[in-house]
Amino acid sequence: MNIFFIGSSGALSLVPFKSLLSSGYNISAAGTHSPIAFDNKIIALENESLALAANQSAIPVIDLSQPVDEIVKRCSDLVIDVILVSCYGKRLPDEIINLTSAGCYNMHPSL
């Protein structure tokens, strides 16, 4: 299964992302809003972030603050079976949700 993981840069997204890394499933890309880069290298202002963890694992990072058509274009070469969303505070446009063959699922930490 090929997963497009979307989340915030906080720990509540990083924990499930790290679990997925060890699961055996393929993470096609990680999407987050405005990852911080310096000299084309992704950095984190704190010790860890979703974008940094993905970058360190050679997983493409997609900046979801771009226009939707740019995001879809970036994803066109990826195989995406499912989108998993964790603690991402924005609504995903239909064009992004429709990139999958098996749907889009939101993981939420609240009761």
N, C-alpha and C. Protein backbone atom coordinates (compact mmCIF):
# COMPACT_ATOMS: atom_id res chain seq x y z
N MET A 1 0.85 -1.17 0.00
CA MET A 1 0.00 0.00 0.00
C MET A 1 0.89 1.24 0.00
N ASN A 2 0.57 2.19 -0.84
CA ASN A 2 1.30 3.44 -0.96
C ASN A 2 0.52 4.56 -0.29
N ILE A 3 1.16 5.22 0.66
CA ILE A 3 0.48 6.19 1.51
C ILE A 3 1.02 7.59 1.26
N PHE A 4 0.10 8.54 1.14
CA PHE A 4 0.44 9.97 1.17
C PHE A 4 0.04 10.44 2.56
N PHE A 5 1.02 10.73 3.40
CA PHE A 5 0.77 11.12 4.77
C PHE A 5 0.75 12.63 4.86
N ILE A 6 -0.32 13.20 5.41
CA ILE A 6 -0.46 14.64 5.55
C ILE A 6 -0.63 14.97 7.02
N GLY A 7 0.14 15.96 7.48
CA GLY A 7 0.03 16.33 8.89
C GLY A 7 0.63 17.68 9.19
N SER A 8 0.50 18.06 10.44
CA SER A 8 1.13 19.28 10.93
C SER A 8 2.59 18.95 11.23
N SER A 9 3.33 19.95 11.63
CA SER A 9 4.73 19.68 11.95
C SER A 9 4.91 19.30 13.41
N GLY A 10 3.84 19.19 14.18
CA GLY A 10 3.94 18.87 15.60
C GLY A 10 4.04 17.39 15.89
N ALA A 11 4.21 17.08 17.16
CA ALA A 11 4.41 15.70 17.62
C ALA A 11 3.21 14.80 17.33
N LEU A 12 2.01 15.36 17.34
CA LEU A 12 0.83 14.51 17.13
C LEU A 12 0.76 13.98 15.70
N SER A 13 1.45 14.57 14.78
CA SER A 13 1.58 14.01 13.43
C SER A 13 2.82 13.14 13.32
N LEU A 14 3.85 13.51 14.04
CA LEU A 14 5.12 12.81 13.94
C LEU A 14 5.05 11.39 14.51
N VAL A 15 4.29 11.19 15.58
CA VAL A 15 4.19 9.86 16.19
C VAL A 15 3.60 8.83 15.22
N PRO A 16 2.44 9.08 14.60
CA PRO A 16 1.93 8.08 13.64
C PRO A 16 2.82 7.95 12.40
N PHE A 17 3.44 9.06 11.99
CA PHE A 17 4.34 8.99 10.84
C PHE A 17 5.50 8.04 11.12
N LYS A 18 6.10 8.16 12.29
CA LYS A 18 7.22 7.27 12.64
C LYS A 18 6.77 5.82 12.75
N SER A 19 5.54 5.60 13.20
CA SER A 19 5.02 4.23 13.24
C SER A 19 4.85 3.67 11.83
N LEU A 20 4.38 4.51 10.93
CA LEU A 20 4.23 4.08 9.54
C LEU A 20 5.59 3.74 8.91
N LEU A 21 6.61 4.50 9.27
CA LEU A 21 7.95 4.23 8.73
C LEU A 21 8.39 2.80 9.02
N SER A 22 8.03 2.30 10.19
CA SER A 22 8.46 0.94 10.56
C SER A 22 7.43 -0.13 10.23
N SER A 23 6.34 0.25 9.57
CA SER A 23 5.24 -0.68 9.32
C SER A 23 5.43 -1.58 8.10
N GLY A 24 6.31 -1.19 7.21
CA GLY A 24 6.45 -1.96 5.98
C GLY A 24 5.66 -1.39 4.82
N TYR A 25 4.75 -0.48 5.09
CA TYR A 25 4.02 0.19 4.02
C TYR A 25 4.91 1.25 3.39
N ASN A 26 4.66 1.55 2.14
CA ASN A 26 5.43 2.57 1.44
C ASN A 26 4.79 3.94 1.63
N ILE A 27 5.57 4.88 2.11
CA ILE A 27 5.08 6.25 2.20
C ILE A 27 5.56 6.97 0.95
N SER A 28 4.62 7.25 0.05
CA SER A 28 4.96 7.88 -1.23
C SER A 28 5.41 9.31 -1.06
N ALA A 29 4.81 10.02 -0.10
CA ALA A 29 5.15 11.43 0.15
C ALA A 29 4.57 11.84 1.49
N ALA A 30 5.11 12.94 2.01
CA ALA A 30 4.57 13.56 3.22
C ALA A 30 4.19 14.99 2.86
N GLY A 31 3.00 15.38 3.25
CA GLY A 31 2.54 16.73 2.96
C GLY A 31 2.35 17.51 4.24
N THR A 32 2.82 18.74 4.24
CA THR A 32 2.64 19.62 5.38
C THR A 32 2.57 21.05 4.88
N HIS A 33 2.12 21.93 5.71
CA HIS A 33 1.95 23.32 5.31
C HIS A 33 3.24 24.09 5.55
N SER A 34 3.80 24.65 4.51
CA SER A 34 4.99 25.51 4.56
C SER A 34 6.17 24.93 5.33
N PRO A 35 6.74 23.80 4.85
CA PRO A 35 7.94 23.28 5.52
C PRO A 35 9.07 24.32 5.42
N ILE A 36 9.93 24.35 6.41
CA ILE A 36 10.99 25.35 6.46
C ILE A 36 12.24 24.78 5.78
N ALA A 37 12.73 25.51 4.79
CA ALA A 37 13.92 25.07 4.07
C ALA A 37 14.97 26.18 4.07
N PHE A 38 16.22 25.75 4.06
CA PHE A 38 17.35 26.67 3.96
C PHE A 38 18.34 26.04 3.00
N ASP A 39 18.72 26.74 1.95
CA ASP A 39 19.61 26.20 0.91
C ASP A 39 19.07 24.87 0.37
N ASN A 40 17.76 24.83 0.12
CA ASN A 40 17.07 23.64 -0.42
C ASN A 40 17.14 22.42 0.49
N LYS A 41 17.48 22.61 1.75
CA LYS A 41 17.48 21.52 2.72
C LYS A 41 16.39 21.82 3.75
N ILE A 42 15.58 20.82 4.04
CA ILE A 42 14.51 21.00 5.02
C ILE A 42 15.12 21.01 6.41
N ILE A 43 14.70 21.99 7.20
CA ILE A 43 15.19 22.12 8.57
C ILE A 43 13.99 22.21 9.50
N ALA A 44 14.23 22.11 10.78
CA ALA A 44 13.18 22.25 11.79
C ALA A 44 13.63 23.29 12.79
N LEU A 45 12.70 24.09 13.26
CA LEU A 45 13.02 25.07 14.28
C LEU A 45 13.13 24.42 15.65
N GLU A 46 12.52 23.26 15.79
CA GLU A 46 12.64 22.47 17.01
C GLU A 46 13.45 21.23 16.67
N ASN A 47 13.52 20.29 17.58
CA ASN A 47 14.33 19.10 17.33
C ASN A 47 13.82 18.24 16.18
N GLU A 48 12.50 18.20 16.01
CA GLU A 48 11.94 17.32 14.99
C GLU A 48 10.73 17.97 14.34
N SER A 49 10.44 17.57 13.14
CA SER A 49 9.22 17.96 12.46
C SER A 49 8.89 16.88 11.45
N LEU A 50 7.66 16.86 10.99
CA LEU A 50 7.24 15.90 9.98
C LEU A 50 8.08 16.04 8.72
N ALA A 51 8.26 17.28 8.26
CA ALA A 51 9.03 17.51 7.03
C ALA A 51 10.47 17.04 7.18
N LEU A 52 11.08 17.32 8.32
CA LEU A 52 12.46 16.90 8.55
C LEU A 52 12.57 15.38 8.61
N ALA A 53 11.67 14.73 9.32
CA ALA A 53 11.69 13.27 9.42
C ALA A 53 11.50 12.62 8.05
N ALA A 54 10.59 13.16 7.25
CA ALA A 54 10.38 12.62 5.90
C ALA A 54 11.62 12.83 5.05
N ASN A 55 12.18 14.03 5.09
CA ASN A 55 13.37 14.34 4.31
C ASN A 55 14.53 13.43 4.70
N GLN A 56 14.71 13.18 5.98
CA GLN A 56 15.79 12.30 6.45
C GLN A 56 15.57 10.85 6.02
N SER A 57 14.33 10.49 5.71
CA SER A 57 14.01 9.13 5.25
C SER A 57 13.88 9.06 3.74
N ALA A 58 14.31 10.11 3.05
CA ALA A 58 14.26 10.19 1.58
C ALA A 58 12.84 10.08 1.03
N ILE A 59 11.89 10.61 1.78
CA ILE A 59 10.49 10.65 1.35
C ILE A 59 10.20 12.05 0.86
N PRO A 60 9.65 12.19 -0.34
CA PRO A 60 9.36 13.53 -0.86
C PRO A 60 8.42 14.31 0.07
N VAL A 61 8.72 15.59 0.25
CA VAL A 61 7.89 16.47 1.07
C VAL A 61 7.15 17.41 0.13
N ILE A 62 5.84 17.46 0.28
CA ILE A 62 5.02 18.33 -0.56
C ILE A 62 4.49 19.47 0.28
N ASP A 63 4.75 20.67 -0.18
CA ASP A 63 4.31 21.88 0.51
C ASP A 63 2.85 22.13 0.16
N LEU A 64 1.97 21.94 1.13
CA LEU A 64 0.54 22.07 0.88
C LEU A 64 0.06 23.52 0.91
N SER A 65 0.99 24.47 1.06
CA SER A 65 0.60 25.88 0.96
C SER A 65 0.62 26.36 -0.49
N GLN A 66 1.08 25.51 -1.39
CA GLN A 66 1.09 25.82 -2.82
C GLN A 66 -0.33 25.79 -3.38
N PRO A 67 -0.54 26.36 -4.57
CA PRO A 67 -1.84 26.22 -5.23
C PRO A 67 -2.16 24.74 -5.49
N VAL A 68 -3.43 24.41 -5.45
CA VAL A 68 -3.87 23.01 -5.59
C VAL A 68 -3.35 22.37 -6.86
N ASP A 69 -3.38 23.09 -7.97
CA ASP A 69 -2.91 22.49 -9.23
C ASP A 69 -1.42 22.13 -9.16
N GLU A 70 -0.62 22.89 -8.41
CA GLU A 70 0.79 22.56 -8.23
C GLU A 70 0.96 21.30 -7.38
N ILE A 71 0.12 21.17 -6.37
CA ILE A 71 0.18 19.97 -5.51
C ILE A 71 -0.19 18.73 -6.32
N VAL A 72 -1.26 18.83 -7.08
CA VAL A 72 -1.71 17.70 -7.91
C VAL A 72 -0.63 17.34 -8.93
N LYS A 73 -0.01 18.35 -9.52
CA LYS A 73 1.07 18.11 -10.49
C LYS A 73 2.23 17.39 -9.82
N ARG A 74 2.59 17.82 -8.62
CA ARG A 74 3.69 17.19 -7.87
C ARG A 74 3.37 15.73 -7.54
N CYS A 75 2.10 15.44 -7.32
CA CYS A 75 1.68 14.08 -6.94
C CYS A 75 1.44 13.18 -8.15
N SER A 76 1.43 13.75 -9.34
CA SER A 76 1.05 12.97 -10.53
C SER A 76 2.01 11.82 -10.82
N ASP A 77 3.25 11.92 -10.42
CA ASP A 77 4.21 10.84 -10.65
C ASP A 77 4.26 9.83 -9.52
N LEU A 78 3.51 10.09 -8.45
CA LEU A 78 3.50 9.20 -7.30
C LEU A 78 2.38 8.19 -7.41
N VAL A 79 2.59 7.03 -6.84
CA VAL A 79 1.52 6.05 -6.70
C VAL A 79 0.94 6.26 -5.31
N ILE A 80 -0.33 6.66 -5.26
CA ILE A 80 -0.99 6.93 -3.98
C ILE A 80 -2.24 6.08 -3.88
N ASP A 81 -2.23 5.12 -2.96
CA ASP A 81 -3.41 4.29 -2.74
C ASP A 81 -4.34 4.92 -1.72
N VAL A 82 -3.74 5.53 -0.70
CA VAL A 82 -4.55 6.08 0.39
C VAL A 82 -3.86 7.34 0.93
N ILE A 83 -4.67 8.27 1.40
CA ILE A 83 -4.16 9.44 2.11
C ILE A 83 -4.51 9.27 3.58
N LEU A 84 -3.51 9.42 4.45
CA LEU A 84 -3.74 9.43 5.89
C LEU A 84 -3.44 10.83 6.39
N VAL A 85 -4.37 11.41 7.13
CA VAL A 85 -4.22 12.77 7.63
C VAL A 85 -4.18 12.72 9.16
N SER A 86 -3.19 13.40 9.73
CA SER A 86 -3.05 13.43 11.18
C SER A 86 -2.80 14.86 11.64
N CYS A 87 -3.77 15.43 12.32
CA CYS A 87 -3.61 16.76 12.93
C CYS A 87 -3.28 17.84 11.92
N TYR A 88 -3.90 17.78 10.78
CA TYR A 88 -3.72 18.82 9.77
C TYR A 88 -4.92 19.73 9.84
N GLY A 89 -4.71 21.00 10.11
CA GLY A 89 -5.79 21.92 10.43
C GLY A 89 -6.50 22.57 9.27
N LYS A 90 -6.32 22.05 8.06
CA LYS A 90 -6.97 22.65 6.91
C LYS A 90 -7.79 21.59 6.16
N ARG A 91 -8.82 22.05 5.51
CA ARG A 91 -9.65 21.14 4.70
C ARG A 91 -8.92 20.83 3.40
N LEU A 92 -8.90 19.55 3.04
CA LEU A 92 -8.26 19.16 1.79
C LEU A 92 -9.23 19.34 0.63
N PRO A 93 -8.78 19.97 -0.44
CA PRO A 93 -9.64 20.11 -1.61
C PRO A 93 -9.92 18.75 -2.26
N ASP A 94 -11.05 18.65 -2.94
CA ASP A 94 -11.42 17.40 -3.61
C ASP A 94 -10.33 16.92 -4.57
N GLU A 95 -9.63 17.84 -5.22
CA GLU A 95 -8.58 17.44 -6.17
C GLU A 95 -7.49 16.63 -5.49
N ILE A 96 -7.22 16.91 -4.24
CA ILE A 96 -6.20 16.14 -3.51
C ILE A 96 -6.80 14.82 -3.02
N ILE A 97 -8.00 14.88 -2.47
CA ILE A 97 -8.66 13.65 -2.00
C ILE A 97 -8.82 12.64 -3.13
N ASN A 98 -9.10 13.13 -4.33
CA ASN A 98 -9.33 12.25 -5.48
C ASN A 98 -8.06 11.65 -6.07
N LEU A 99 -6.90 11.94 -5.50
CA LEU A 99 -5.65 11.35 -5.97
C LEU A 99 -5.53 9.88 -5.62
N THR A 100 -6.38 9.40 -4.72
CA THR A 100 -6.23 8.04 -4.19
C THR A 100 -7.14 7.04 -4.87
N SER A 101 -6.76 5.78 -4.73
CA SER A 101 -7.63 4.71 -5.22
C SER A 101 -8.44 4.09 -4.09
N ALA A 102 -8.01 4.30 -2.82
CA ALA A 102 -8.68 3.66 -1.69
C ALA A 102 -9.19 4.65 -0.63
N GLY A 103 -9.16 5.94 -0.91
CA GLY A 103 -9.76 6.90 0.01
C GLY A 103 -8.78 7.71 0.83
N CYS A 104 -9.38 8.56 1.64
CA CYS A 104 -8.65 9.50 2.48
C CYS A 104 -9.20 9.36 3.90
N TYR A 105 -8.31 9.17 4.88
CA TYR A 105 -8.74 8.89 6.25
C TYR A 105 -8.07 9.87 7.22
N ASN A 106 -8.86 10.38 8.15
CA ASN A 106 -8.38 11.31 9.14
C ASN A 106 -8.15 10.59 10.46
N MET A 107 -6.94 10.70 10.98
CA MET A 107 -6.62 10.16 12.31
C MET A 107 -6.65 11.34 13.28
N HIS A 108 -7.46 11.24 14.31
CA HIS A 108 -7.61 12.37 15.23
C HIS A 108 -7.32 11.91 16.65
N PRO A 109 -6.51 12.67 17.41
CA PRO A 109 -6.09 12.20 18.72
C PRO A 109 -7.11 12.40 19.85
N SER A 110 -8.20 13.07 19.59
CA SER A 110 -9.14 13.34 20.69
C SER A 110 -10.01 12.12 20.97
N LEU A 111 -10.66 12.15 22.10
CA LEU A 111 -11.60 11.07 22.43
C LEU A 111 -12.80 11.21 21.56
